[in-house]
């Protein structure tokens, strides 16, 4: 895949994710375009979304990149073979701490959402 086609696929992927959020409760969600610092999708308050359309898999680097935004950091990534029509099936990556907190907020588990800490 050429550099131009990779860039186009990345841009299309980011736009697809923004449209998904806009259609599912965040009407002001927008793709920021390439090369901008912070979240790849704006208009989703409290969330820091990183979008990837990559063949290589580097989850730690991606999560660190998402953490540079404001809000709960997570990564939406489009795997090879996944077209725009299957956006609902694209994987989402987040830390165990964030995942556990979201589950607790949703009413799962016995405890209250944990305070944000850096230790296990």
PDB file of N, CA and C in Angstrom:
ATOM      1  N   UNK A   1       0.847  -1.169   0.000  1.00  0.00           N
ATOM      2  CA  UNK A   1       0.000   0.000   0.000  1.00  0.00           C
ATOM      3  C   UNK A   1       0.895   1.234   0.000  1.00  0.00           C
ATOM      4  N   UNK A   2       0.616   2.176  -0.865  1.00  0.00           N
ATOM      5  CA  UNK A   2       1.441   3.377  -0.960  1.00  0.00           C
ATOM      6  C   UNK A   2       1.167   4.309   0.218  1.00  0.00           C
ATOM      7  N   UNK A   3       2.080   5.240   0.435  1.00  0.00           N
ATOM      8  CA  UNK A   3       1.917   6.202   1.533  1.00  0.00           C
ATOM      9  C   UNK A   3       0.636   7.013   1.358  1.00  0.00           C
ATOM     10  N   UNK A   4       0.321   7.391   0.119  1.00  0.00           N
ATOM     11  CA  UNK A   4      -0.890   8.181  -0.140  1.00  0.00           C
ATOM     12  C   UNK A   4      -2.149   7.372   0.169  1.00  0.00           C
ATOM     13  N   UNK A   5      -2.155   6.091  -0.210  1.00  0.00           N
ATOM     14  CA  UNK A   5      -3.348   5.280   0.054  1.00  0.00           C
ATOM     15  C   UNK A   5      -3.485   4.971   1.543  1.00  0.00           C
ATOM     16  N   UNK A   6      -2.355   4.809   2.271  1.00  0.00           N
ATOM     17  CA  UNK A   6      -2.414   4.621   3.734  1.00  0.00           C
ATOM     18  C   UNK A   6      -2.985   5.860   4.406  1.00  0.00           C
ATOM     19  N   UNK A   7      -2.546   7.035   3.939  1.00  0.00           N
ATOM     20  CA  UNK A   7      -3.045   8.287   4.508  1.00  0.00           C
ATOM     21  C   UNK A   7      -4.547   8.438   4.242  1.00  0.00           C
ATOM     22  N   UNK A   8      -4.972   8.082   3.035  1.00  0.00           N
ATOM     23  CA  UNK A   8      -6.394   8.164   2.699  1.00  0.00           C
ATOM     24  C   UNK A   8      -7.217   7.193   3.543  1.00  0.00           C
ATOM     25  N   UNK A   9      -6.704   5.964   3.718  1.00  0.00           N
ATOM     26  CA  UNK A   9      -7.405   4.975   4.549  1.00  0.00           C
ATOM     27  C   UNK A   9      -7.509   5.465   5.989  1.00  0.00           C
ATOM     28  N   UNK A  10      -6.436   6.070   6.495  1.00  0.00           N
ATOM     29  CA  UNK A  10      -6.460   6.616   7.850  1.00  0.00           C
ATOM     30  C   UNK A  10      -7.477   7.728   8.000  1.00  0.00           C
ATOM     31  N   UNK A  11      -7.524   8.613   7.031  1.00  0.00           N
ATOM     32  CA  UNK A  11      -8.489   9.721   7.063  1.00  0.00           C
ATOM     33  C   UNK A  11      -9.923   9.212   6.980  1.00  0.00           C
ATOM     34  N   UNK A  12     -10.171   8.253   6.097  1.00  0.00           N
ATOM     35  CA  UNK A  12     -11.505   7.656   5.979  1.00  0.00           C
ATOM     36  C   UNK A  12     -11.909   6.948   7.269  1.00  0.00           C
ATOM     37  N   UNK A  13     -10.956   6.278   7.889  1.00  0.00           N
ATOM     38  CA  UNK A  13     -11.224   5.564   9.136  1.00  0.00           C
ATOM     39  C   UNK A  13     -11.610   6.548  10.235  1.00  0.00           C
ATOM     40  N   UNK A  14     -10.868   7.621  10.356  1.00  0.00           N
ATOM     41  CA  UNK A  14     -11.149   8.634  11.375  1.00  0.00           C
ATOM     42  C   UNK A  14     -12.520   9.266  11.131  1.00  0.00           C
ATOM     43  N   UNK A  15     -12.847   9.578   9.901  1.00  0.00           N
ATOM     44  CA  UNK A  15     -14.148  10.160   9.566  1.00  0.00           C
ATOM     45  C   UNK A  15     -15.274   9.179   9.879  1.00  0.00           C
ATOM     46  N   UNK A  16     -15.052   7.908   9.586  1.00  0.00           N
ATOM     47  CA  UNK A  16     -16.058   6.879   9.866  1.00  0.00           C
ATOM     48  C   UNK A  16     -16.338   6.787  11.360  1.00  0.00           C
ATOM     49  N   UNK A  17     -15.282   6.829  12.181  1.00  0.00           N
ATOM     50  CA  UNK A  17     -15.459   6.770  13.635  1.00  0.00           C
ATOM     51  C   UNK A  17     -16.214   8.015  14.124  1.00  0.00           C
ATOM     52  N   UNK A  18     -15.862   9.181  13.623  1.00  0.00           N
ATOM     53  CA  UNK A  18     -16.562  10.413  14.018  1.00  0.00           C
ATOM     54  C   UNK A  18     -18.048  10.322  13.658  1.00  0.00           C
ATOM     55  N   UNK A  19     -18.350   9.821  12.479  1.00  0.00           N
ATOM     56  CA  UNK A  19     -19.761   9.674  12.061  1.00  0.00           C
ATOM     57  C   UNK A  19     -20.490   8.666  12.937  1.00  0.00           C
ATOM     58  N   UNK A  20     -19.783   7.595  13.340  1.00  0.00           N
ATOM     59  CA  UNK A  20     -20.386   6.608  14.245  1.00  0.00           C
ATOM     60  C   UNK A  20     -20.807   7.295  15.545  1.00  0.00           C
ATOM     61  N   UNK A  21     -19.886   8.040  16.160  1.00  0.00           N
ATOM     62  CA  UNK A  21     -20.217   8.732  17.403  1.00  0.00           C
ATOM     63  C   UNK A  21     -21.332   9.756  17.199  1.00  0.00           C
ATOM     64  N   UNK A  22     -21.298  10.490  16.094  1.00  0.00           N
ATOM     65  CA  UNK A  22     -22.329  11.489  15.809  1.00  0.00           C
ATOM     66  C   UNK A  22     -23.716  10.846  15.705  1.00  0.00           C
ATOM     67  N   UNK A  23     -23.768   9.646  15.200  1.00  0.00           N
ATOM     68  CA  UNK A  23     -25.045   8.945  15.040  1.00  0.00           C
ATOM     69  C   UNK A  23     -25.486   8.193  16.301  1.00  0.00           C
ATOM     70  N   UNK A  24     -24.612   8.144  17.307  1.00  0.00           N
ATOM     71  CA  UNK A  24     -24.900   7.360  18.508  1.00  0.00           C
ATOM     72  C   UNK A  24     -24.784   8.166  19.794  1.00  0.00           C
ATOM     73  N   UNK A  25     -25.204   9.412  19.758  1.00  0.00           N
ATOM     74  CA  UNK A  25     -25.314  10.188  20.994  1.00  0.00           C
ATOM     75  C   UNK A  25     -24.367  11.350  21.160  1.00  0.00           C
ATOM     76  N   UNK A  26     -23.442  11.530  20.249  1.00  0.00           N
ATOM     77  CA  UNK A  26     -22.514  12.660  20.304  1.00  0.00           C
ATOM     78  C   UNK A  26     -22.625  13.432  18.990  1.00  0.00           C
ATOM     79  N   UNK A  27     -23.691  14.228  18.829  1.00  0.00           N
ATOM     80  CA  UNK A  27     -23.983  14.864  17.535  1.00  0.00           C
ATOM     81  C   UNK A  27     -22.912  15.835  17.050  1.00  0.00           C
ATOM     82  N   UNK A  28     -22.034  16.276  17.928  1.00  0.00           N
ATOM     83  CA  UNK A  28     -21.000  17.231  17.531  1.00  0.00           C
ATOM     84  C   UNK A  28     -19.640  16.567  17.277  1.00  0.00           C
ATOM     85  N   UNK A  29     -19.619  15.248  17.223  1.00  0.00           N
ATOM     86  CA  UNK A  29     -18.367  14.523  16.977  1.00  0.00           C
ATOM     87  C   UNK A  29     -17.836  14.855  15.586  1.00  0.00           C
ATOM     88  N   UNK A  30     -16.545  15.161  15.534  1.00  0.00           N
ATOM     89  CA  UNK A  30     -15.885  15.487  14.268  1.00  0.00           C
ATOM     90  C   UNK A  30     -14.475  14.925  14.252  1.00  0.00           C
ATOM     91  N   UNK A  31     -14.035  14.517  13.073  1.00  0.00           N
ATOM     92  CA  UNK A  31     -12.654  14.100  12.875  1.00  0.00           C
ATOM     93  C   UNK A  31     -11.783  15.345  12.860  1.00  0.00           C
ATOM     94  N   UNK A  32     -10.627  15.267  13.497  1.00  0.00           N
ATOM     95  CA  UNK A  32      -9.734  16.428  13.539  1.00  0.00           C
ATOM     96  C   UNK A  32      -8.806  16.507  12.346  1.00  0.00           C
ATOM     97  N   UNK A  33      -8.715  15.416  11.584  1.00  0.00           N
ATOM     98  CA  UNK A  33      -7.752  15.390  10.490  1.00  0.00           C
ATOM     99  C   UNK A  33      -6.392  14.948  10.998  1.00  0.00           C
ATOM    100  N   UNK A  34      -5.486  14.754  10.078  1.00  0.00           N
ATOM    101  CA  UNK A  34      -4.163  14.227  10.421  1.00  0.00           C
ATOM    102  C   UNK A  34      -3.240  15.302  10.982  1.00  0.00           C
ATOM    103  N   UNK A  35      -2.332  14.880  11.856  1.00  0.00           N
ATOM    104  CA  UNK A  35      -1.262  15.756  12.319  1.00  0.00           C
ATOM    105  C   UNK A  35      -1.600  16.681  13.462  1.00  0.00           C
ATOM    106  N   UNK A  36      -2.793  16.622  13.991  1.00  0.00           N
ATOM    107  CA  UNK A  36      -3.184  17.500  15.085  1.00  0.00           C
ATOM    108  C   UNK A  36      -2.903  16.801  16.417  1.00  0.00           C
ATOM    109  N   UNK A  37      -2.444  17.544  17.400  1.00  0.00           N
ATOM    110  CA  UNK A  37      -2.211  17.007  18.745  1.00  0.00           C
ATOM    111  C   UNK A  37      -3.545  16.781  19.439  1.00  0.00           C
ATOM    112  N   UNK A  38      -3.577  15.823  20.347  1.00  0.00           N
ATOM    113  CA  UNK A  38      -4.783  15.562  21.122  1.00  0.00           C
ATOM    114  C   UNK A  38      -5.656  14.508  20.470  1.00  0.00           C
ATOM    115  N   UNK A  39      -6.893  14.470  20.903  1.00  0.00           N
ATOM    116  CA  UNK A  39      -7.840  13.467  20.449  1.00  0.00           C
ATOM    117  C   UNK A  39      -8.081  13.555  18.945  1.00  0.00           C
ATOM    118  N   UNK A  40      -8.251  12.409  18.306  1.00  0.00           N
ATOM    119  CA  UNK A  40      -8.543  12.375  16.868  1.00  0.00           C
ATOM    120  C   UNK A  40      -9.977  12.755  16.565  1.00  0.00           C
ATOM    121  N   UNK A  41     -10.833  12.659  17.581  1.00  0.00           N
ATOM    122  CA  UNK A  41     -12.250  13.002  17.423  1.00  0.00           C
ATOM    123  C   UNK A  41     -12.594  14.059  18.467  1.00  0.00           C
ATOM    124  N   UNK A  42     -13.117  15.170  18.036  1.00  0.00           N
ATOM    125  CA  UNK A  42     -13.585  16.203  18.959  1.00  0.00           C
ATOM    126  C   UNK A  42     -15.102  16.100  19.074  1.00  0.00           C
ATOM    127  N   UNK A  43     -15.675  16.818  20.042  1.00  0.00           N
ATOM    128  CA  UNK A  43     -17.122  16.817  20.214  1.00  0.00           C
ATOM    129  C   UNK A  43     -17.637  15.620  20.990  1.00  0.00           C
ATOM    130  N   UNK A  44     -16.746  14.921  21.691  1.00  0.00           N
ATOM    131  CA  UNK A  44     -17.143  13.806  22.567  1.00  0.00           C
ATOM    132  C   UNK A  44     -16.564  14.101  23.959  1.00  0.00           C
ATOM    133  N   UNK A  45     -17.175  15.051  24.678  1.00  0.00           N
ATOM    134  CA  UNK A  45     -16.630  15.516  25.960  1.00  0.00           C
ATOM    135  C   UNK A  45     -16.341  14.378  26.933  1.00  0.00           C
ATOM    136  N   UNK A  46     -15.202  14.498  27.614  1.00  0.00           N
ATOM    137  CA  UNK A  46     -14.798  13.515  28.615  1.00  0.00           C
ATOM    138  C   UNK A  46     -14.117  12.292  28.039  1.00  0.00           C
ATOM    139  N   UNK A  47     -13.949  12.266  26.716  1.00  0.00           N
ATOM    140  CA  UNK A  47     -13.334  11.115  26.054  1.00  0.00           C
ATOM    141  C   UNK A  47     -12.154  11.567  25.212  1.00  0.00           C
ATOM    142  N   UNK A  48     -11.125  10.742  25.171  1.00  0.00           N
ATOM    143  CA  UNK A  48      -9.932  11.017  24.362  1.00  0.00           C
ATOM    144  C   UNK A  48      -9.740   9.844  23.409  1.00  0.00           C
ATOM    145  N   UNK A  49     -10.204  10.013  22.179  1.00  0.00           N
ATOM    146  CA  UNK A  49     -10.226   8.938  21.196  1.00  0.00           C
ATOM    147  C   UNK A  49      -9.053   9.024  20.228  1.00  0.00           C
ATOM    148  N   UNK A  50      -8.309   7.942  20.155  1.00  0.00           N
ATOM    149  CA  UNK A  50      -7.253   7.779  19.159  1.00  0.00           C
ATOM    150  C   UNK A  50      -7.783   6.781  18.136  1.00  0.00           C
ATOM    151  N   UNK A  51      -7.593   7.068  16.849  1.00  0.00           N
ATOM    152  CA  UNK A  51      -8.096   6.191  15.785  1.00  0.00           C
ATOM    153  C   UNK A  51      -6.917   5.670  14.985  1.00  0.00           C
ATOM    154  N   UNK A  52      -6.912   4.357  14.750  1.00  0.00           N
ATOM    155  CA  UNK A  52      -5.818   3.726  14.012  1.00  0.00           C
ATOM    156  C   UNK A  52      -6.360   2.835  12.907  1.00  0.00           C
ATOM    157  N   UNK A  53      -5.720   2.899  11.769  1.00  0.00           N
ATOM    158  CA  UNK A  53      -5.990   1.995  10.646  1.00  0.00           C
ATOM    159  C   UNK A  53      -4.633   1.469  10.215  1.00  0.00           C
ATOM    160  N   UNK A  54      -4.098   0.586  10.997  1.00  0.00           N
ATOM    161  CA  UNK A  54      -2.722   0.132  10.806  1.00  0.00           C
ATOM    162  C   UNK A  54      -2.658  -1.368  10.683  1.00  0.00           C
ATOM    163  N   UNK A  55      -1.695  -1.837   9.930  1.00  0.00           N
ATOM    164  CA  UNK A  55      -1.439  -3.274   9.831  1.00  0.00           C
ATOM    165  C   UNK A  55      -0.657  -3.731  11.063  1.00  0.00           C
ATOM    166  N   UNK A  56       0.314  -2.912  11.491  1.00  0.00           N
ATOM    167  CA  UNK A  56       1.088  -3.298  12.673  1.00  0.00           C
ATOM    168  C   UNK A  56       0.251  -3.079  13.935  1.00  0.00           C
ATOM    169  N   UNK A  57       0.590  -3.790  14.986  1.00  0.00           N
ATOM    170  CA  UNK A  57      -0.165  -3.719  16.232  1.00  0.00           C
ATOM    171  C   UNK A  57       0.770  -3.272  17.331  1.00  0.00           C
ATOM    172  N   UNK A  58       0.570  -2.058  17.825  1.00  0.00           N
ATOM    173  CA  UNK A  58       1.424  -1.494  18.849  1.00  0.00           C
ATOM    174  C   UNK A  58       0.547  -0.871  19.939  1.00  0.00           C
ATOM    175  N   UNK A  59      -0.173  -1.688  20.696  1.00  0.00           N
ATOM    176  CA  UNK A  59      -1.182  -1.163  21.613  1.00  0.00           C
ATOM    177  C   UNK A  59      -0.660  -0.237  22.693  1.00  0.00           C
ATOM    178  N   UNK A  60       0.529  -0.507  23.253  1.00  0.00           N
ATOM    179  CA  UNK A  60       1.048   0.360  24.308  1.00  0.00           C
ATOM    180  C   UNK A  60       1.305   1.772  23.780  1.00  0.00           C
ATOM    181  N   UNK A  61       1.909   1.880  22.623  1.00  0.00           N
ATOM    182  CA  UNK A  61       2.153   3.205  22.025  1.00  0.00           C
ATOM    183  C   UNK A  61       0.836   3.908  21.723  1.00  0.00           C
ATOM    184  N   UNK A  62      -0.151   3.169  21.257  1.00  0.00           N
ATOM    185  CA  UNK A  62      -1.445   3.773  20.921  1.00  0.00           C
ATOM    186  C   UNK A  62      -2.146   4.311  22.168  1.00  0.00           C
ATOM    187  N   UNK A  63      -2.148   3.520  23.251  1.00  0.00           N
ATOM    188  CA  UNK A  63      -2.777   3.972  24.497  1.00  0.00           C
ATOM    189  C   UNK A  63      -2.048   5.199  25.037  1.00  0.00           C
ATOM    190  N   UNK A  64      -0.723   5.188  24.983  1.00  0.00           N
ATOM    191  CA  UNK A  64       0.037   6.361  25.434  1.00  0.00           C
ATOM    192  C   UNK A  64      -0.332   7.585  24.605  1.00  0.00           C
ATOM    193  N   UNK A  65      -0.504   7.403  23.314  1.00  0.00           N
ATOM    194  CA  UNK A  65      -0.894   8.519  22.456  1.00  0.00           C
ATOM    195  C   UNK A  65      -2.287   9.017  22.828  1.00  0.00           C
ATOM    196  N   UNK A  66      -3.211   8.123  23.099  1.00  0.00           N
ATOM    197  CA  UNK A  66      -4.569   8.517  23.489  1.00  0.00           C
ATOM    198  C   UNK A  66      -4.570   9.247  24.817  1.00  0.00           C
ATOM    199  N   UNK A  67      -3.640   8.883  25.715  1.00  0.00           N
ATOM    200  CA  UNK A  67      -3.569   9.490  27.045  1.00  0.00           C
ATOM    201  C   UNK A  67      -3.182  10.966  26.970  1.00  0.00           C
ATOM    202  N   UNK A  68      -2.651  11.403  25.855  1.00  0.00           N
ATOM    203  CA  UNK A  68      -2.294  12.815  25.703  1.00  0.00           C
ATOM    204  C   UNK A  68      -3.504  13.721  25.534  1.00  0.00           C
ATOM    205  N   UNK A  69      -4.687  13.146  25.358  1.00  0.00           N
ATOM    206  CA  UNK A  69      -5.903  13.944  25.244  1.00  0.00           C
ATOM    207  C   UNK A  69      -6.515  14.183  26.608  1.00  0.00           C
ATOM    208  N   UNK A  70      -7.627  14.885  26.641  1.00  0.00           N
ATOM    209  CA  UNK A  70      -8.354  15.131  27.881  1.00  0.00           C
ATOM    210  C   UNK A  70      -9.539  14.183  27.925  1.00  0.00           C
ATOM    211  N   UNK A  71      -9.633  13.393  28.970  1.00  0.00           N
ATOM    212  CA  UNK A  71     -10.750  12.482  29.118  1.00  0.00           C
ATOM    213  C   UNK A  71     -10.290  11.046  29.181  1.00  0.00           C
ATOM    214  N   UNK A  72     -11.257  10.128  29.162  1.00  0.00           N
ATOM    215  CA  UNK A  72     -10.969   8.706  29.216  1.00  0.00           C
ATOM    216  C   UNK A  72     -10.286   8.312  27.908  1.00  0.00           C
ATOM    217  N   UNK A  73      -9.038   7.833  27.985  1.00  0.00           N
ATOM    218  CA  UNK A  73      -8.318   7.479  26.760  1.00  0.00           C
ATOM    219  C   UNK A  73      -8.716   6.096  26.238  1.00  0.00           C
ATOM    220  N   UNK A  74      -8.971   6.021  24.933  1.00  0.00           N
ATOM    221  CA  UNK A  74      -9.247   4.746  24.291  1.00  0.00           C
ATOM    222  C   UNK A  74      -8.852   4.830  22.826  1.00  0.00           C
ATOM    223  N   UNK A  75      -8.682   3.665  22.220  1.00  0.00           N
ATOM    224  CA  UNK A  75      -8.251   3.578  20.834  1.00  0.00           C
ATOM    225  C   UNK A  75      -9.276   2.752  20.062  1.00  0.00           C
ATOM    226  N   UNK A  76      -9.732   3.275  18.949  1.00  0.00           N
ATOM    227  CA  UNK A  76     -10.548   2.515  18.008  1.00  0.00           C
ATOM    228  C   UNK A  76      -9.622   2.147  16.860  1.00  0.00           C
ATOM    229  N   UNK A  77      -9.556   0.854  16.536  1.00  0.00           N
ATOM    230  CA  UNK A  77      -8.671   0.476  15.435  1.00  0.00           C
ATOM    231  C   UNK A  77      -9.377  -0.407  14.426  1.00  0.00           C
ATOM    232  N   UNK A  78      -9.040  -0.149  13.191  1.00  0.00           N
ATOM    233  CA  UNK A  78      -9.614  -0.858  12.050  1.00  0.00           C
ATOM    234  C   UNK A  78      -8.594  -1.889  11.570  1.00  0.00           C
ATOM    235  N   UNK A  79      -8.959  -3.151  11.667  1.00  0.00           N
ATOM    236  CA  UNK A  79      -8.065  -4.231  11.252  1.00  0.00           C
ATOM    237  C   UNK A  79      -8.159  -4.441   9.740  1.00  0.00           C
ATOM    238  N   UNK A  80      -7.155  -5.098   9.186  1.00  0.00           N
ATOM    239  CA  UNK A  80      -7.209  -5.485   7.782  1.00  0.00           C
ATOM    240  C   UNK A  80      -8.470  -6.304   7.542  1.00  0.00           C
ATOM    241  N   UNK A  81      -9.133  -6.044   6.444  1.00  0.00           N
ATOM    242  CA  UNK A  81     -10.336  -6.783   6.094  1.00  0.00           C
ATOM    243  C   UNK A  81     -11.613  -6.185   6.651  1.00  0.00           C
ATOM    244  N   UNK A  82     -11.504  -5.122   7.424  1.00  0.00           N
ATOM    245  CA  UNK A  82     -12.694  -4.482   7.973  1.00  0.00           C
ATOM    246  C   UNK A  82     -13.005  -3.228   7.162  1.00  0.00           C
ATOM    247  N   UNK A  83     -14.118  -3.240   6.497  1.00  0.00           N
ATOM    248  CA  UNK A  83     -14.533  -2.080   5.726  1.00  0.00           C
ATOM    249  C   UNK A  83     -15.294  -1.093   6.584  1.00  0.00           C
ATOM    250  N   UNK A  84     -15.627   0.039   5.987  1.00  0.00           N
ATOM    251  CA  UNK A  84     -16.361   1.074   6.716  1.00  0.00           C
ATOM    252  C   UNK A  84     -17.738   0.590   7.158  1.00  0.00           C
ATOM    253  N   UNK A  85     -18.322  -0.343   6.406  1.00  0.00           N
ATOM    254  CA  UNK A  85     -19.653  -0.853   6.749  1.00  0.00           C
ATOM    255  C   UNK A  85     -19.646  -1.631   8.058  1.00  0.00           C
ATOM    256  N   UNK A  86     -18.485  -2.131   8.467  1.00  0.00           N
ATOM    257  CA  UNK A  86     -18.407  -2.937   9.688  1.00  0.00           C
ATOM    258  C   UNK A  86     -17.894  -2.142  10.883  1.00  0.00           C
ATOM    259  N   UNK A  87     -18.031  -0.823  10.859  1.00  0.00           N
ATOM    260  CA  UNK A  87     -17.486   0.026  11.928  1.00  0.00           C
ATOM    261  C   UNK A  87     -17.946  -0.424  13.317  1.00  0.00           C
ATOM    262  N   UNK A  88     -19.158  -0.909  13.447  1.00  0.00           N
ATOM    263  CA  UNK A  88     -19.663  -1.360  14.750  1.00  0.00           C
ATOM    264  C   UNK A  88     -18.871  -2.543  15.298  1.00  0.00           C
ATOM    265  N   UNK A  89     -18.130  -3.231  14.443  1.00  0.00           N
ATOM    266  CA  UNK A  89     -17.349  -4.402  14.843  1.00  0.00           C
ATOM    267  C   UNK A  89     -15.868  -4.090  15.035  1.00  0.00           C
ATOM    268  N   UNK A  90     -15.449  -2.844  14.841  1.00  0.00           N
ATOM    269  CA  UNK A  90     -14.042  -2.498  15.012  1.00  0.00           C
ATOM    270  C   UNK A  90     -13.683  -2.587  16.495  1.00  0.00           C
ATOM    271  N   UNK A  91     -12.515  -3.124  16.821  1.00  0.00           N
ATOM    272  CA  UNK A  91     -12.111  -3.250  18.219  1.00  0.00           C
ATOM    273  C   UNK A  91     -11.821  -1.897  18.886  1.00  0.00           C
ATOM    274  N   UNK A  92     -11.984  -1.898  20.189  1.00  0.00           N
ATOM    275  CA  UNK A  92     -11.660  -0.734  21.020  1.00  0.00           C
ATOM    276  C   UNK A  92     -10.690  -1.201  22.092  1.00  0.00           C
ATOM    277  N   UNK A  93      -9.674  -0.406  22.340  1.00  0.00           N
ATOM    278  CA  UNK A  93      -8.615  -0.733  23.280  1.00  0.00           C
ATOM    279  C   UNK A  93      -8.585   0.333  24.372  1.00  0.00           C
ATOM    280  N   UNK A  94      -8.571  -0.118  25.629  1.00  0.00           N
ATOM    281  CA  UNK A  94      -8.404   0.797  26.745  1.00  0.00           C
ATOM    282  C   UNK A  94      -7.713   0.062  27.874  1.00  0.00           C
ATOM    283  N   UNK A  95      -7.273   0.805  28.874  1.00  0.00           N
ATOM    284  CA  UNK A  95      -6.569   0.178  29.990  1.00  0.00           C
ATOM    285  C   UNK A  95      -7.555  -0.609  30.856  1.00  0.00           C
ATOM    286  N   UNK A  96      -7.018  -1.561  31.598  1.00  0.00           N
ATOM    287  CA  UNK A  96      -7.853  -2.341  32.507  1.00  0.00           C
ATOM    288  C   UNK A  96      -8.514  -1.435  33.541  1.00  0.00           C
ATOM    289  N   UNK A  97      -7.784  -0.440  34.018  1.00  0.00           N
ATOM    290  CA  UNK A  97      -8.347   0.494  35.003  1.00  0.00           C
ATOM    291  C   UNK A  97      -9.573   1.202  34.428  1.00  0.00           C
ATOM    292  N   UNK A  98      -9.438   1.716  33.218  1.00  0.00           N
ATOM    293  CA  UNK A  98     -10.560   2.436  32.600  1.00  0.00           C
ATOM    294  C   UNK A  98     -11.732   1.488  32.323  1.00  0.00           C
ATOM    295  N   UNK A  99     -11.427   0.290  31.839  1.00  0.00           N
ATOM    296  CA  UNK A  99     -12.468  -0.694  31.559  1.00  0.00           C
ATOM    297  C   UNK A  99     -13.228  -1.052  32.836  1.00  0.00           C
ATOM    298  N   UNK A 100     -12.490  -1.305  33.923  1.00  0.00           N
ATOM    299  CA  UNK A 100     -13.116  -1.653  35.199  1.00  0.00           C
ATOM    300  C   UNK A 100     -13.996  -0.515  35.696  1.00  0.00           C
ATOM    301  N   UNK A 101     -13.509   0.707  35.611  1.00  0.00           N
ATOM    302  CA  UNK A 101     -14.293   1.867  36.028  1.00  0.00           C
ATOM    303  C   UNK A 101     -15.582   1.973  35.220  1.00  0.00           C
ATOM    304  N   UNK A 102     -15.498   1.787  33.911  1.00  0.00           N
ATOM    305  CA  UNK A 102     -16.700   1.852  33.074  1.00  0.00           C
ATOM    306  C   UNK A 102     -17.699   0.757  33.453  1.00  0.00           C
ATOM    307  N   UNK A 103     -17.202  -0.444  33.728  1.00  0.00           N
ATOM    308  CA  UNK A 103     -18.089  -1.525  34.156  1.00  0.00           C
ATOM    309  C   UNK A 103     -18.772  -1.180  35.475  1.00  0.00           C
ATOM    310  N   UNK A 104     -18.012  -0.621  36.423  1.00  0.00           N
ATOM    311  CA  UNK A 104     -18.580  -0.252  37.721  1.00  0.00           C
ATOM    312  C   UNK A 104     -19.617   0.854  37.563  1.00  0.00           C
ATOM    313  N   UNK A 105     -19.344   1.835  36.747  1.00  0.00           N
ATOM    314  CA  UNK A 105     -20.304   2.915  36.497  1.00  0.00           C
ATOM    315  C   UNK A 105     -21.587   2.354  35.889  1.00  0.00           C
ATOM    316  N   UNK A 106     -21.443   1.333  35.049  1.00  0.00           N
ATOM    317  CA  UNK A 106     -22.596   0.711  34.409  1.00  0.00           C
ATOM    318  C   UNK A 106     -23.360  -0.224  35.354  1.00  0.00           C
ATOM    319  N   UNK A 107     -22.860  -0.398  36.583  1.00  0.00           N
ATOM    320  CA  UNK A 107     -23.571  -1.194  37.565  1.00  0.00           C
ATOM    321  C   UNK A 107     -23.070  -2.612  37.743  1.00  0.00           C
ATOM    322  N   UNK A 108     -21.985  -2.964  37.102  1.00  0.00           N
ATOM    323  CA  UNK A 108     -21.416  -4.298  37.265  1.00  0.00           C
ATOM    324  C   UNK A 108     -20.449  -4.301  38.450  1.00  0.00           C
ATOM    325  N   UNK A 109     -20.314  -5.446  39.094  1.00  0.00           N
ATOM    326  CA  UNK A 109     -19.394  -5.578  40.212  1.00  0.00           C
ATOM    327  C   UNK A 109     -20.026  -5.092  41.504  1.00  0.00           C
ATOM    328  N   UNK A 110     -19.287  -5.255  42.587  1.00  0.00           N
ATOM    329  CA  UNK A 110     -19.790  -4.904  43.902  1.00  0.00           C
ATOM    330  C   UNK A 110     -19.281  -3.573  44.415  1.00  0.00           C
ATOM    331  N   UNK A 111     -18.186  -3.088  43.830  1.00  0.00           N
ATOM    332  CA  UNK A 111     -17.553  -1.889  44.361  1.00  0.00           C
ATOM    333  C   UNK A 111     -17.981  -0.621  43.642  1.00  0.00           C
ATOM    334  N   UNK A 112     -17.515   0.462  44.190  1.00  0.00           N
ATOM    335  CA  UNK A 112     -17.698   1.774  43.564  1.00  0.00           C
ATOM    336  C   UNK A 112     -16.546   2.018  42.602  1.00  0.00           C
ATOM    337  N   UNK A 113     -16.741   2.868  41.611  1.00  0.00           N
ATOM    338  CA  UNK A 113     -15.612   3.205  40.723  1.00  0.00           C
ATOM    339  C   UNK A 113     -14.423   3.671  41.530  1.00  0.00           C
ATOM    340  N   UNK A 114     -13.256   3.123  41.206  1.00  0.00           N
ATOM    341  CA  UNK A 114     -12.030   3.420  41.947  1.00  0.00           C
ATOM    342  C   UNK A 114     -11.541   4.819  41.642  1.00  0.00           C
ATOM    343  N   UNK A 115     -10.848   5.388  42.602  1.00  0.00           N
ATOM    344  CA  UNK A 115     -10.159   6.657  42.379  1.00  0.00           C
ATOM    345  C   UNK A 115      -9.065   6.412  41.367  1.00  0.00           C
ATOM    346  N   UNK A 116      -8.743   7.399  40.565  1.00  0.00           N
ATOM    347  CA  UNK A 116      -7.666   7.289  39.590  1.00  0.00           C
ATOM    348  C   UNK A 116      -6.336   7.268  40.315  1.00  0.00           C
ATOM    349  N   UNK A 117      -5.615   6.135  40.201  1.00  0.00           N
ATOM    350  CA  UNK A 117      -4.304   6.004  40.833  1.00  0.00           C
ATOM    351  C   UNK A 117      -3.331   5.451  39.832  1.00  0.00           C
ATOM    352  N   UNK A 118      -2.055   5.513  40.168  1.00  0.00           N
ATOM    353  CA  UNK A 118      -1.041   4.986  39.262  1.00  0.00           C
ATOM    354  C   UNK A 118      -0.556   3.605  39.681  1.00  0.00           C
ATOM    355  N   UNK A 119      -0.997   3.115  40.852  1.00  0.00           N
ATOM    356  CA  UNK A 119      -0.557   1.794  41.284  1.00  0.00           C
ATOM    357  C   UNK A 119      -1.651   0.762  40.992  1.00  0.00           C
ATOM    358  N   UNK A 120      -1.282  -0.510  41.077  1.00  0.00           N
ATOM    359  CA  UNK A 120      -2.241  -1.581  40.758  1.00  0.00           C
ATOM    360  C   UNK A 120      -3.177  -1.798  41.855  1.00  0.00           C
TER     361      UNK A 120
END
